[in-house]
C-alpha atoms as a PDB file:
ATOM      1  CA  MET A   1      -3.310  -5.674 -13.687  1.00  0.00           C
ATOM      2  CA  LEU A   2      -1.543  -6.744 -10.620  1.00  0.00           C
ATOM      3  CA  ARG A   3      -2.543  -9.719  -8.430  1.00  0.00           C
ATOM      4  CA  PRO A   4      -2.450  -9.262  -4.622  1.00  0.00           C
ATOM      5  CA  GLU A   5       0.342 -11.709  -4.304  1.00  0.00           C
ATOM      6  CA  GLN A   6       2.414  -9.542  -6.637  1.00  0.00           C
ATOM      7  CA  LEU A   7       2.540  -6.746  -4.027  1.00  0.00           C
ATOM      8  CA  SER A   8       4.346  -6.570  -0.707  1.00  0.00           C
ATOM      9  CA  LEU A   9       4.566  -3.996   2.061  1.00  0.00           C
ATOM     10  CA  THR A  10       7.754  -2.970   3.827  1.00  0.00           C
ATOM     11  CA  ALA A  11       7.972  -0.572   6.774  1.00  0.00           C
ATOM     12  CA  VAL A  12      10.242   2.494   6.178  1.00  0.00           C
ATOM     13  CA  ALA A  13      11.261   5.566   7.996  1.00  0.00           C
ATOM     14  CA  ALA A  14       8.810   8.410   7.603  1.00  0.00           C
ATOM     15  CA  LYS A  15      11.299  10.636   5.966  1.00  0.00           C
ATOM     16  CA  GLU A  16      11.760   7.997   3.155  1.00  0.00           C
ATOM     17  CA  ALA A  17       8.077   8.160   2.291  1.00  0.00           C
ATOM     18  CA  ASP A  18       7.803  11.770   1.357  1.00  0.00           C
ATOM     19  CA  GLU A  19       5.296  13.000  -1.156  1.00  0.00           C
ATOM     20  CA  ARG A  20       7.819  13.320  -4.060  1.00  0.00           C
ATOM     21  CA  ARG A  21       8.278   9.531  -4.435  1.00  0.00           C
ATOM     22  CA  ASP A  22       6.025   6.877  -5.962  1.00  0.00           C
ATOM     23  CA  GLY A  23       5.334   3.606  -4.284  1.00  0.00           C
ATOM     24  CA  TYR A  24       5.058   4.890  -0.701  1.00  0.00           C
ATOM     25  CA  GLY A  25       2.116   5.360   1.677  1.00  0.00           C
ATOM     26  CA  GLN A  26       0.833   5.453   5.236  1.00  0.00           C
ATOM     27  CA  VAL A  27      -1.290   3.038   7.012  1.00  0.00           C
ATOM     28  CA  THR A  28      -4.644   4.655   7.603  1.00  0.00           C
ATOM     29  CA  ALA A  29      -6.788   1.769   8.798  1.00  0.00           C
ATOM     30  CA  ILE A  30      -6.656  -1.889   9.713  1.00  0.00           C
ATOM     31  CA  GLU A  31      -9.766  -4.056   9.588  1.00  0.00           C
ATOM     32  CA  PHE A  32      -9.294  -7.145  11.754  1.00  0.00           C
ATOM     33  CA  GLY A  33     -10.793 -10.346  10.325  1.00  0.00           C
ATOM     34  CA  GLY A  34      -9.241 -13.244  12.362  1.00  0.00           C
ATOM     35  CA  ALA A  35      -6.394 -14.963  10.571  1.00  0.00           C
ATOM     36  CA  THR A  36      -6.378 -12.315   7.850  1.00  0.00           C
ATOM     37  CA  CYS A  37      -6.739  -8.537   8.113  1.00  0.00           C
ATOM     38  CA  LEU A  38      -7.149  -5.715   5.612  1.00  0.00           C
ATOM     39  CA  ILE A  39      -4.566  -2.866   5.709  1.00  0.00           C
ATOM     40  CA  SER A  40      -5.535   0.464   4.060  1.00  0.00           C
ATOM     41  CA  ILE A  41      -2.584   2.409   2.679  1.00  0.00           C
ATOM     42  CA  SER A  42      -3.123   6.003   1.688  1.00  0.00           C
ATOM     43  CA  LEU A  43      -0.725   6.839  -1.163  1.00  0.00           C
ATOM     44  CA  THR A  44       1.883   9.473  -0.349  1.00  0.00           C
ATOM     45  CA  ARG A  45       2.182  10.848  -3.832  1.00  0.00           C
ATOM     46  CA  ARG A  46      -1.112  11.716  -5.401  1.00  0.00           C
ATOM     47  CA  GLN A  47      -1.549  11.801  -9.217  1.00  0.00           C
ATOM     48  CA  VAL A  48      -2.842  15.305  -9.527  1.00  0.00           C
ATOM     49  CA  LEU A  49      -3.358  15.011 -13.334  1.00  0.00           C
ATOM     50  CA  ASP A  50      -5.462  11.886 -13.119  1.00  0.00           C
ATOM     51  CA  PRO A  51      -8.455  12.373 -10.727  1.00  0.00           C
ATOM     52  CA  LEU A  52      -9.432   8.717 -11.301  1.00  0.00           C
ATOM     53  CA  SER A  53      -6.191   7.291  -9.904  1.00  0.00           C
ATOM     54  CA  PRO A  54      -6.606   5.492  -6.602  1.00  0.00           C
ATOM     55  CA  GLN A  55      -5.876   7.417  -3.455  1.00  0.00           C
ATOM     56  CA  ALA A  56      -5.564   4.307  -1.273  1.00  0.00           C
ATOM     57  CA  ILE A  57      -4.820   0.672  -1.685  1.00  0.00           C
ATOM     58  CA  VAL A  58      -6.115  -2.145   0.505  1.00  0.00           C
ATOM     59  CA  PHE A  59      -3.822  -5.139   1.214  1.00  0.00           C
ATOM     60  CA  LYS A  60      -4.896  -8.477   2.653  1.00  0.00           C
ATOM     61  CA  SER A  61      -2.319  -9.548   5.315  1.00  0.00           C
ATOM     62  CA  ALA A  62      -1.840 -12.125   8.024  1.00  0.00           C
ATOM     63  CA  GLY A  63      -3.306 -10.994  11.362  1.00  0.00           C
ATOM     64  CA  VAL A  64       0.076 -11.152  13.123  1.00  0.00           C
ATOM     65  CA  GLY A  65       2.867  -8.499  13.018  1.00  0.00           C
ATOM     66  CA  LEU A  66       0.732  -5.779  11.621  1.00  0.00           C
ATOM     67  CA  PRO A  67       2.108  -2.295  11.240  1.00  0.00           C
ATOM     68  CA  PRO A  68       0.638   0.397  13.526  1.00  0.00           C
ATOM     69  CA  ILE A  69      -1.720   2.956  12.002  1.00  0.00           C
ATOM     70  CA  GLY A  70       0.301   5.904  10.829  1.00  0.00           C
ATOM     71  CA  SER A  71       3.325   3.776   9.805  1.00  0.00           C
ATOM     72  CA  ALA A  72       5.174   4.722   6.632  1.00  0.00           C
ATOM     73  CA  MET A  73       5.240   1.861   4.108  1.00  0.00           C
ATOM     74  CA  ARG A  74       6.863   1.039   0.822  1.00  0.00           C
ATOM     75  CA  ILE A  75       4.746  -0.774  -1.761  1.00  0.00           C
ATOM     76  CA  VAL A  76       6.804  -3.161  -3.737  1.00  0.00           C
ATOM     77  CA  VAL A  77       5.780  -4.905  -6.996  1.00  0.00           C
ATOM     78  CA  THR A  78       7.401  -8.361  -6.939  1.00  0.00           C
ATOM     79  CA  ALA A  79       6.477  -9.530 -10.446  1.00  0.00           C
ATOM     80  CA  ARG A  80       5.585  -8.200 -13.928  1.00  0.00           C
ATOM     81  CA  ALA A  81       2.233  -6.457 -14.379  1.00  0.00           C
ATOM     82  CA  HIS A  82      -0.219  -7.682 -16.961  1.00  0.00           C
ATOM     83  CA  ILE A  83      -1.675  -5.240 -19.385  1.00  0.00           C
ATOM     84  CA  LEU A  84      -5.153  -5.904 -20.567  1.00  0.00           C
ATOM     85  CA  SER A  85      -6.515  -4.261 -23.733  1.00  0.00           C
END
C-alpha cells in the first residue's frame, strides 16, 4: 500500500520514459478542480503477465504548474511501501 503523499511526479525527456523502464508514464488527462487537480498518468511499461495490474495512476496535485497532456513523467516513491496481508 502506498499513500498519495508517498508518490511524486517529475517531468522527464520523452526518450527517458521508454517502454522498457518501470516507474514512467505519460500524462493522459487533467481534471481541473480549483485549488487541486487530478492528473492521470498512463504507465509506459505494461505488465503483460498480470492483466489486473493498473494501466494508469491518478495523482492529486495543486492546480498550478501542471504538466501539459502528453508530457513524459517519472513516478517516484518517496517512502517505504506497507504490505498488508
